[in-house]
Amino acid sequence: MSARPVNDSVEYETSTDGARATIWLNRPESRNAYHMDMLRGIERAIQRADNDPDVRVIIFRGRGDSFCVGGDPDMLGDHGDWQTLSATSSRFFHALEGTRKVTVAAVHGWVVGGGFEFMLACDFAVAADDARIGDFHIRNGLYPGGGSTYRLARLIGVRRAKEHILSGQLWSGVEATEAGVVNAHCPPVELGPTVVEYCAKFVDKSPTMLMFGKLAVNRGLTSDLDSMILLDQIVSRVAGEGRDAREGLEARQARRSPKWEPLPPSVSLIQEQGEE
């Protein structure tokens, strides 16, 4: 299926089988630097994918020679100051991290500043070998207000995260994979097929269990052990009494593919009231 515009800077498409939705950042002339309209367009696209019962995985990609270079300084005159853009992007990345479905950033070219923070907020990332990946804010005298300071440390440890954020160093796709910042790398021309192959491990799973598993891992990063044990007990009971648990066992006994229950409709991320 061909990509269709969500607005002037975002496109949306689904795979032939409907299991993968790809959200394209479409400002190639600015290396997909984002502004408020782009973030709103991405929100609408995520909402569409989240409410599509066939979609299991949401993929983010960038048109042109790069994934994303962060906030666009040229647009601040029309859309507010750095503080406003930083606060909005921070809330957006937090909401993105909590999206119910699996999210994968397929990155190439420049993946820096807010683009790097965008990637960190996704569940997984696949990078082209020659990508240039890193926080980069400190090189411009800016603060990484979109989540690098805490998400990166949880991925690679405090010392390595400090070294990266305080130096502004960049990784290639190969180096980022070795550092544990992305999950896989590939030659640039193979990025599309590699991402499809990477997503295959998720698309045949129960949407409800994908959501619960993602929720529990994310909560486990900031919760105490007693709270997580309680969460496990509650979710285990809900899951055990759910339709998918019965369907999974019946499908296994019958040696057939399970037919999972779709997620119910969701509410908006940070979309403004009254906006379609």
Protein backbone atom coordinates (compact mmCIF):
# COMPACT_ATOMS: atom_id res chain seq x y z
CA MET A 1 0.00 0.00 0.00
CA SER A 2 1.35 3.44 -0.91
CA ALA A 3 1.93 6.07 1.76
CA ARG A 4 -0.82 8.66 2.26
CA PRO A 5 -0.32 12.10 3.80
CA VAL A 6 -1.49 12.76 7.34
CA ASN A 7 -0.47 16.40 6.97
CA ASP A 8 2.26 18.30 5.12
CA SER A 9 5.08 16.63 7.07
CA VAL A 10 3.84 13.12 7.94
CA GLU A 11 2.80 10.13 5.81
CA TYR A 12 1.14 6.85 6.80
CA GLU A 13 1.08 3.45 5.16
CA THR A 14 0.28 -0.14 6.08
CA SER A 15 1.82 -3.37 4.83
CA THR A 16 -0.10 -5.64 2.47
CA ASP A 17 -1.09 -7.95 5.32
CA GLY A 18 -1.98 -4.98 7.54
CA ALA A 19 0.30 -6.09 10.39
CA ARG A 20 2.78 -3.21 10.08
CA ALA A 21 2.03 0.50 9.96
CA THR A 22 4.84 2.79 8.83
CA ILE A 23 4.80 6.45 9.84
CA TRP A 24 7.06 8.52 7.60
CA LEU A 25 8.62 11.80 8.71
CA ASN A 26 8.37 13.80 5.51
CA ARG A 27 10.46 16.97 5.68
CA PRO A 28 13.51 15.74 3.75
CA GLU A 29 14.62 19.28 2.91
CA SER A 30 15.31 19.85 6.63
CA ARG A 31 16.48 16.29 7.38
CA ASN A 32 13.10 15.74 9.02
CA ALA A 33 13.58 18.31 11.75
CA TYR A 34 10.28 18.39 13.60
CA HIS A 35 7.99 21.24 14.55
CA MET A 36 4.63 21.30 16.30
CA ASP A 37 2.61 20.38 13.20
CA MET A 38 4.82 17.35 12.56
CA LEU A 39 4.40 16.15 16.15
CA ARG A 40 0.63 16.56 15.86
CA GLY A 41 0.66 14.64 12.59
CA ILE A 42 2.67 11.82 14.15
CA GLU A 43 0.19 11.70 17.04
CA ARG A 44 -2.72 11.30 14.63
CA ALA A 45 -0.87 8.59 12.72
CA ILE A 46 -0.07 6.70 15.94
CA GLN A 47 -3.71 6.95 16.95
CA ARG A 48 -4.75 5.52 13.59
CA ALA A 49 -2.33 2.60 13.94
CA ASP A 50 -3.26 2.00 17.57
CA ASN A 51 -6.95 1.71 16.68
CA ASP A 52 -6.37 -0.52 13.64
CA PRO A 53 -7.06 -4.09 14.84
CA ASP A 54 -4.72 -5.58 12.23
CA VAL A 55 -1.65 -3.49 13.11
CA ARG A 56 0.80 -5.15 15.49
CA VAL A 57 3.91 -3.01 14.96
CA ILE A 58 4.36 0.71 14.29
CA ILE A 59 7.52 1.60 12.34
CA PHE A 60 8.97 5.11 12.16
CA ARG A 61 11.10 6.13 9.19
CA GLY A 62 12.44 9.32 7.65
CA ARG A 63 12.24 10.46 4.04
CA GLY A 64 15.39 11.68 2.34
CA ASP A 65 18.94 11.24 3.59
CA SER A 66 18.23 11.17 7.35
CA PHE A 67 15.83 9.92 10.01
CA CYS A 68 15.56 13.11 12.09
CA VAL A 69 17.83 15.88 13.38
CA GLY A 70 15.52 17.03 16.18
CA GLY A 71 13.64 20.29 16.62
CA ASP A 72 13.69 22.77 13.76
CA PRO A 73 15.07 26.18 14.89
CA ASP A 74 13.78 27.83 11.70
CA MET A 75 10.19 27.11 12.74
CA LEU A 76 10.35 28.64 16.21
CA GLY A 77 9.05 31.97 15.01
CA ASP A 78 5.80 30.29 13.97
CA HIS A 79 5.52 27.74 16.73
CA GLY A 80 6.96 29.20 19.94
CA ASP A 81 10.31 29.24 21.68
CA TRP A 82 12.77 26.47 22.51
CA GLN A 83 11.23 25.90 25.93
CA THR A 84 7.79 25.34 24.42
CA LEU A 85 9.11 23.01 21.73
CA SER A 86 11.25 21.14 24.27
CA ALA A 87 8.34 20.69 26.69
CA THR A 88 6.02 19.53 23.93
CA SER A 89 8.53 17.08 22.48
CA SER A 90 9.29 15.73 25.95
CA ARG A 91 5.59 15.02 26.56
CA PHE A 92 5.32 13.54 23.09
CA PHE A 93 8.26 11.15 23.62
CA HIS A 94 6.81 10.09 26.98
CA ALA A 95 3.48 9.34 25.30
CA LEU A 96 5.27 7.53 22.46
CA GLU A 97 7.07 5.31 24.96
CA GLY A 98 3.69 4.36 26.44
CA THR A 99 2.04 3.53 23.11
CA ARG A 100 0.18 0.23 23.45
CA LYS A 101 1.63 -1.38 20.34
CA VAL A 102 5.24 -2.29 19.58
CA THR A 103 7.22 0.59 18.08
CA VAL A 104 10.37 0.30 15.96
CA ALA A 105 12.57 3.16 14.75
CA ALA A 106 14.23 2.38 11.41
CA VAL A 107 17.01 4.96 11.30
CA HIS A 108 19.52 6.14 8.73
CA GLY A 109 21.64 9.18 8.04
CA TRP A 110 21.59 11.74 10.85
CA VAL A 111 19.83 10.59 14.04
CA VAL A 112 20.80 13.36 16.43
CA GLY A 113 19.39 15.66 19.13
CA GLY A 114 15.63 15.24 19.33
CA GLY A 115 15.84 12.63 16.58
CA PHE A 116 18.03 10.54 18.87
CA GLU A 117 15.54 11.06 21.71
CA PHE A 118 12.74 10.02 19.34
CA MET A 119 14.59 6.78 18.65
CA LEU A 120 15.19 6.15 22.37
CA ALA A 121 11.45 6.48 23.09
CA CYS A 122 10.68 3.62 20.69
CA ASP A 123 10.73 0.03 21.93
CA PHE A 124 13.32 -1.07 19.39
CA ALA A 125 15.61 0.40 16.76
CA VAL A 126 17.26 -0.90 13.59
CA ALA A 127 20.00 1.27 12.09
CA ALA A 128 21.82 1.56 8.80
CA ASP A 129 25.52 0.81 9.20
CA ASP A 130 26.59 4.31 8.23
CA ALA A 131 24.03 6.20 10.33
CA ARG A 132 25.30 9.01 12.58
CA ILE A 133 23.59 8.47 15.92
CA GLY A 134 23.85 10.49 19.12
CA ASP A 135 22.45 13.13 21.43
CA PHE A 136 24.52 16.02 20.05
CA HIS A 137 22.80 18.77 22.12
CA ILE A 138 25.93 19.75 24.02
CA ARG A 139 27.74 20.61 20.77
CA ASN A 140 25.21 23.41 20.28
CA GLY A 141 25.15 24.57 23.90
CA LEU A 142 21.72 22.99 24.41
CA TYR A 143 20.28 20.66 27.04
CA PRO A 144 18.81 17.27 26.07
CA GLY A 145 15.29 17.90 27.38
CA GLY A 146 13.56 15.06 25.52
CA GLY A 147 14.67 12.09 27.61
CA SER A 148 18.30 11.26 26.78
CA THR A 149 19.46 11.91 30.33
CA TYR A 150 17.38 9.06 31.74
CA ARG A 151 16.52 6.73 28.85
CA LEU A 152 20.10 6.35 27.66
CA ALA A 153 21.43 5.51 31.13
CA ARG A 154 18.85 2.74 31.44
CA LEU A 155 20.01 1.29 28.15
CA ILE A 156 23.79 1.42 28.49
CA GLY A 157 24.56 2.37 32.11
CA VAL A 158 25.30 5.61 33.90
CA ARG A 159 28.98 6.03 33.09
CA ARG A 160 28.65 5.39 29.37
CA ALA A 161 25.55 7.59 29.18
CA LYS A 162 27.38 10.47 30.89
CA GLU A 163 30.33 10.05 28.56
CA HIS A 164 28.07 10.23 25.55
CA ILE A 165 25.84 13.12 26.65
CA LEU A 166 28.72 15.24 27.95
CA SER A 167 30.91 14.71 24.88
CA GLY A 168 28.36 14.81 22.08
CA GLN A 169 30.06 11.87 20.40
CA LEU A 170 28.27 10.06 17.58
CA TRP A 171 27.97 6.36 16.88
CA SER A 172 27.65 4.60 13.55
CA GLY A 173 24.88 2.05 13.24
CA VAL A 174 27.43 -0.70 13.91
CA GLU A 175 28.82 1.07 16.99
CA ALA A 176 25.34 1.88 18.30
CA THR A 177 24.42 -1.80 18.09
CA GLU A 178 27.58 -2.82 19.92
CA ALA A 179 26.84 -0.21 22.61
CA GLY A 180 23.30 -1.53 23.08
CA VAL A 181 21.64 1.67 21.83
CA VAL A 182 19.98 -0.05 18.86
CA ASN A 183 18.96 -3.67 18.39
CA ALA A 184 20.33 -4.43 14.93
CA HIS A 185 22.21 -2.88 12.04
CA CYS A 186 22.42 -3.53 8.32
CA PRO A 187 23.76 -2.02 5.07
CA PRO A 188 21.79 1.12 4.14
CA VAL A 189 20.18 -0.45 1.06
CA GLU A 190 18.85 -3.31 3.20
CA LEU A 191 17.19 -1.21 5.90
CA GLY A 192 13.61 -1.74 4.68
CA PRO A 193 13.76 -5.56 4.35
CA THR A 194 15.77 -5.88 7.57
CA VAL A 195 13.12 -3.97 9.53
CA VAL A 196 10.36 -6.16 8.09
CA GLU A 197 12.31 -9.25 9.08
CA TYR A 198 12.96 -7.83 12.54
CA CYS A 199 9.24 -7.11 13.06
CA ALA A 200 8.25 -10.67 12.13
CA LYS A 201 8.89 -11.88 15.67
CA PHE A 202 6.12 -9.63 17.01
CA VAL A 203 3.34 -9.63 14.41
CA ASP A 204 2.01 -13.11 15.24
CA LYS A 205 1.69 -12.48 18.98
CA SER A 206 -1.36 -11.55 21.07
CA PRO A 207 -1.85 -7.76 20.96
CA THR A 208 -3.04 -7.81 24.55
CA MET A 209 0.00 -9.71 25.79
CA LEU A 210 2.33 -7.48 23.80
CA MET A 211 0.73 -4.49 25.51
CA PHE A 212 0.93 -6.04 28.99
CA GLY A 213 4.52 -7.19 28.54
CA LYS A 214 5.63 -3.79 27.29
CA LEU A 215 3.80 -2.04 30.14
CA ALA A 216 5.38 -4.26 32.79
CA VAL A 217 8.94 -3.84 31.50
CA ASN A 218 8.54 -0.06 31.30
CA ARG A 219 7.05 0.14 34.78
CA GLY A 220 9.78 -2.10 36.14
CA LEU A 221 12.38 0.54 35.32
CA THR A 222 10.93 3.00 37.84
CA SER A 223 8.95 0.88 40.31
CA ASP A 224 9.98 -0.95 43.48
CA LEU A 225 9.99 -4.76 43.68
CA ASP A 226 6.83 -5.05 45.79
CA SER A 227 4.87 -2.96 43.30
CA MET A 228 6.09 -5.06 40.40
CA ILE A 229 5.19 -8.32 42.17
CA LEU A 230 1.69 -6.94 42.74
CA LEU A 231 1.45 -5.85 39.09
CA ASP A 232 2.55 -9.31 37.94
CA GLN A 233 -0.13 -10.96 40.11
CA ILE A 234 -2.87 -8.70 38.79
CA VAL A 235 -1.89 -8.97 35.14
CA SER A 236 -1.33 -12.73 35.37
CA ARG A 237 -4.87 -13.21 36.66
CA VAL A 238 -6.39 -10.92 34.03
CA ALA A 239 -4.40 -12.63 31.30
CA GLY A 240 -5.16 -16.13 32.55
CA GLU A 241 -8.89 -15.47 32.52
CA GLY A 242 -8.83 -13.73 29.15
CA ARG A 243 -9.91 -14.97 25.76
CA ASP A 244 -6.38 -15.04 24.33
CA ALA A 245 -5.17 -17.50 26.97
CA ARG A 246 -7.95 -19.92 26.04
CA GLU A 247 -7.39 -19.31 22.34
CA GLY A 248 -3.67 -19.90 22.66
CA LEU A 249 -4.14 -23.27 24.33
CA GLU A 250 -6.87 -24.36 21.92
CA ALA A 251 -4.81 -23.34 18.90
CA ARG A 252 -1.81 -25.23 20.22
CA GLN A 253 -3.84 -28.39 20.79
CA ALA A 254 -5.46 -28.10 17.36
CA ARG A 255 -2.10 -27.26 15.75
CA ARG A 256 -3.43 -24.14 14.08
CA SER A 257 -2.56 -20.46 14.14
CA PRO A 258 -4.31 -18.58 16.97
CA LYS A 259 -6.87 -15.85 16.26
CA TRP A 260 -6.10 -13.17 18.79
CA GLU A 261 -8.53 -10.63 20.22
CA PRO A 262 -7.81 -7.07 18.97
CA LEU A 263 -7.19 -4.25 21.43
CA PRO A 264 -10.15 -2.00 22.23
CA PRO A 265 -10.08 1.58 20.88
CA SER A 266 -7.67 3.90 22.66
CA VAL A 267 -7.74 7.56 23.63
CA SER A 268 -5.54 10.31 22.21
CA LEU A 269 -1.88 10.81 23.19
CA ILE A 270 -1.39 14.55 23.74
CA GLN A 271 -3.64 15.70 20.93
CA GLU A 272 -5.42 18.93 21.61
CA GLN A 273 -9.14 18.78 22.38
CA GLY A 274 -11.33 19.35 19.36
CA GLU A 275 -8.59 18.45 16.87
CA GLU A 276 -9.41 15.71 14.43
